[in-house]
C-alpha cells in the first residue's frame, strides 16, 4: 500500500512499479529535448511550458510522473511546492 498526501508523488511510485519502461522512455525524451536547448532562457521557457502542461492539461499518469521527476531536477533548489489551487508553483532553478 502506498500512502502520502502528495498525489503526484504517489503517482510516481505507482508508475515506477507498474510501467517503468514507459517512464524511462518519456524521461529520455524530456532529457534529450532539454539538453538540446541552448542557454538558460530556452531551458527556462521549456520548464515553464512543461509546468503549464502539468498544471493545466492534467496529463495521464505516466506523463505526469515523468514531469514530476523532471521538476525535481529543475525546480529552484529541487523544491516541490503547490499553491492553494494545487498547482505547481515553484520556478525554474539556478542549477538547472
Foldseek 3Di string as FASTA:
>chain_A
DDDDPPPLVSLLVVCCVPPVPVLVVVLVVVVVVLVVDPDDVRNQVVLVVLLCCLFPVVDDSSSSSSNLVVCCVFFAVSDFDADPVRGTDTGGHPVD
